[in-house]
Protein backbone atom coordinates (compact mmCIF):
# COMPACT_ATOMS: atom_id res chain seq x y z
CA MET A 1 4.85 -9.37 -48.70
CA GLN A 2 7.20 -6.06 -47.55
CA VAL A 3 8.75 -6.35 -44.20
CA GLY A 4 9.51 -2.66 -41.82
CA GLY A 5 11.86 -2.95 -39.81
CA THR A 6 13.59 -1.18 -37.89
CA ALA A 7 17.36 -3.12 -38.32
CA GLY A 8 20.09 -0.56 -37.71
CA CYS A 9 18.29 2.33 -36.02
CA SER A 10 20.00 3.19 -32.86
CA TYR A 11 18.35 5.97 -30.45
CA ASP A 12 20.31 8.03 -28.07
CA TYR A 13 18.61 9.05 -24.83
CA PRO A 14 19.71 11.15 -22.09
CA ASP A 15 19.65 9.61 -19.23
CA PRO A 16 17.64 12.10 -16.51
CA ALA A 17 19.20 11.29 -14.12
CA HIS A 18 22.19 12.30 -14.94
CA THR A 19 21.66 15.47 -16.84
CA PRO A 20 23.67 18.23 -15.44
CA VAL A 21 22.11 21.07 -13.52
CA THR A 22 21.44 24.00 -15.40
CA GLU A 23 21.31 27.37 -14.18
CA THR A 24 17.08 27.47 -15.19
CA ASP A 25 16.99 23.59 -13.52
CA ALA A 26 18.65 26.01 -10.47
CA THR A 27 16.05 28.38 -10.64
CA ALA A 28 13.16 26.65 -11.36
CA THR A 29 10.50 26.25 -8.71
CA PRO A 30 8.58 22.97 -8.67
CA ARG A 31 4.44 23.28 -9.06
CA PRO A 32 2.42 23.03 -6.53
CA SER A 33 1.24 19.38 -5.81
CA ARG A 34 -2.28 18.45 -6.75
CA SER A 35 -4.88 16.49 -3.93
CA VAL A 36 -5.07 12.55 -4.29
CA ALA A 37 -8.64 12.46 -5.23
CA GLY A 38 -7.56 14.70 -7.89
CA ALA A 39 -9.32 18.57 -7.18
CA PRO A 40 -6.73 20.72 -5.12
CA ASP A 41 -7.40 22.69 -1.75
CA PRO A 42 -6.78 26.19 -2.69
CA LEU A 43 -6.08 26.57 0.73
CA VAL A 44 -3.06 24.19 0.69
CA LEU A 45 -2.33 24.87 -2.68
CA GLU A 46 -1.59 28.64 -1.32
CA ARG A 47 0.54 27.73 1.71
CA GLU A 48 2.40 25.46 -0.42
CA VAL A 49 3.07 28.13 -3.15
CA ARG A 50 4.32 30.44 -0.06
CA ASN A 51 6.25 27.50 1.24
CA TYR A 52 8.30 27.42 -1.81
CA GLN A 53 9.28 30.80 -2.19
CA ASP A 54 10.15 30.52 1.21
CA LEU A 55 12.65 27.39 0.75
CA ASP A 56 13.55 29.81 -2.08
CA GLY A 57 14.64 31.98 0.34
CA LEU A 58 16.76 29.98 2.24
CA LEU A 59 18.37 27.63 -0.75
CA LYS A 60 19.46 30.02 -3.05
CA ALA A 61 21.24 32.25 -0.65
CA VAL A 62 24.12 29.39 -0.35
CA PRO A 63 27.04 30.43 -2.39
CA GLY A 64 29.07 28.04 -4.40
CA ASP A 65 29.08 26.66 -7.73
CA VAL A 66 25.72 24.47 -7.71
CA LEU A 67 26.57 20.83 -8.67
CA LEU A 68 22.98 19.38 -7.32
CA PHE A 69 19.82 21.51 -6.66
CA ARG A 70 16.28 19.68 -6.04
CA GLU A 71 13.29 21.01 -4.20
CA GLY A 72 9.92 19.23 -3.84
CA PRO A 73 6.92 18.01 -1.94
CA LEU A 74 7.06 16.90 1.70
CA ASP A 75 3.75 16.11 2.34
CA GLY A 76 0.99 14.37 0.30
CA PRO A 77 -0.05 12.59 -2.55
CA ALA A 78 3.70 13.14 -3.91
CA ARG A 79 6.20 13.44 -0.68
CA GLY A 80 9.56 12.99 -0.48
CA PHE A 81 12.13 12.83 -3.66
CA GLY A 82 15.59 11.64 -4.88
CA THR A 83 18.23 13.10 -7.49
CA THR A 84 21.33 12.41 -8.99
CA GLU A 85 24.63 14.44 -10.18
CA GLN A 86 27.66 13.37 -11.86
CA VAL A 87 30.54 14.59 -9.51
CA LEU A 88 33.52 15.30 -12.25
CA ALA A 89 35.76 16.83 -9.73
CA ALA A 90 37.00 15.35 -6.22
CA GLY A 91 36.98 17.58 -3.35
CA GLU A 92 34.87 18.99 -0.75
CA TYR A 93 31.34 20.12 -1.06
CA THR A 94 29.10 21.86 1.10
CA VAL A 95 25.25 19.78 1.46
CA THR A 96 22.28 22.70 2.81
CA ALA A 97 19.30 20.68 3.14
CA ALA A 98 16.01 23.09 4.19
CA CYS A 99 12.33 22.47 4.71
CA ILE A 100 9.21 24.76 5.29
CA GLY A 101 6.26 23.70 7.13
CA ALA A 102 6.84 20.47 8.57
CA PRO A 103 8.31 19.21 12.10
CA ASN A 104 11.23 17.86 10.58
CA ALA A 105 13.01 16.28 7.59
CA LYS A 106 15.30 13.97 7.29
CA ILE A 107 18.39 14.32 3.73
CA TYR A 108 20.22 11.41 2.92
CA ILE A 109 23.15 12.02 0.58
CA ARG A 110 25.39 8.79 -1.04
CA GLN A 111 28.20 7.77 -2.86
CA GLU A 112 29.42 5.52 -5.09
CA ASN A 113 31.91 4.73 -7.23
CA PRO A 114 34.54 2.06 -7.94
CA LYS A 115 37.03 3.04 -5.75
CA VAL A 116 34.46 3.84 -2.28
CA THR A 117 31.54 4.14 -1.28
CA LEU A 118 30.12 7.19 1.19
CA TRP A 119 28.08 6.04 3.21
CA PRO A 120 24.69 8.01 3.24
CA VAL A 121 24.91 11.19 5.46
CA GLU A 122 21.92 11.87 7.60
CA LEU A 123 21.03 15.53 7.51
CA THR A 124 17.92 16.09 10.00
CA VAL A 125 16.44 19.45 9.42
CA ASP A 126 14.41 21.55 12.03
CA CYS A 127 11.30 23.28 9.62
CA PRO A 128 11.26 25.57 8.98
CA GLY A 129 14.93 26.36 8.52
CA SER A 130 18.34 24.90 6.98
CA THR A 131 21.65 23.09 7.82
CA SER A 132 24.78 22.88 6.29
CA GLN A 133 27.86 20.26 6.42
CA VAL A 134 30.48 19.96 4.13
CA ILE A 135 31.52 16.77 2.87
CA THR A 136 34.18 15.44 0.87
CA LEU A 137 33.01 13.87 -2.62
CA GLN A 138 34.92 11.63 -5.05
CA GLN A 139 34.19 11.46 -9.33
CA GLY A 140 31.28 9.34 -9.95
CA TYR A 141 27.69 10.24 -8.76
CA VAL A 142 26.12 11.48 -6.10
CA SER A 143 22.72 10.78 -4.98
CA ALA A 144 20.34 12.42 -2.37
CA HIS A 145 17.39 11.78 -0.97
CA LEU A 146 14.89 13.74 1.09
CA SER A 147 11.85 12.05 3.05
CA LEU A 148 9.44 13.23 5.74
CA PRO A 149 9.78 10.68 8.45
CA ALA A 150 5.69 10.15 9.30
CA PRO A 151 2.98 7.57 8.59
CA ALA A 152 2.11 7.92 4.83
CA ASN A 153 -1.74 8.88 5.66
CA THR A 154 -0.88 11.83 6.97
CA PRO A 155 -2.55 15.26 6.13
CA TRP A 156 -1.37 17.40 2.85
CA THR A 157 -0.18 20.76 4.92
CA GLY A 158 1.86 21.81 1.78
CA ALA A 159 5.03 21.24 3.06
CA VAL A 160 8.25 21.39 1.06
CA GLY A 161 11.61 20.50 1.32
CA GLY A 162 14.48 21.05 -0.94
CA VAL A 163 18.96 20.68 -1.17
CA ARG A 164 21.61 22.22 -2.55
CA VAL A 165 25.27 20.94 -3.37
CA THR A 166 27.73 23.00 -3.54
CA ASN A 167 31.88 23.57 -4.32
């Protein structure tokens, strides 16, 4: 009998939550969402595509080097999103949140490291539009979560939102 195994094998998988943003990441627009039943509503998909174009115009106009950038749906089957990035240099950073197609969206920014905890900074965005705030970040990881404060059973409208952290 021959015994096979994987003893001594090692696999190194990068942690996607802590992968730095590249220029292609910063310019990529998410694909439109699908309906809960799996069949897309063509009118909502068209609206969502236009909303992403308008959102790109709001967020990509923000100057500075990009530390964190994420866009995504605010309603529908996959509403809200979160992301994390590593802060390599402590300093002041500008957080910009934007949304299109929803009454108001909320962004929460939080940072934790062994020396400091930045309690969640909450920004509310009147849609369509954007808002910015300067915050001080330390070395470590910063996370951002964007959500639409509405009941889970709200209709899918194609609303989108995003966050961009620059220095």
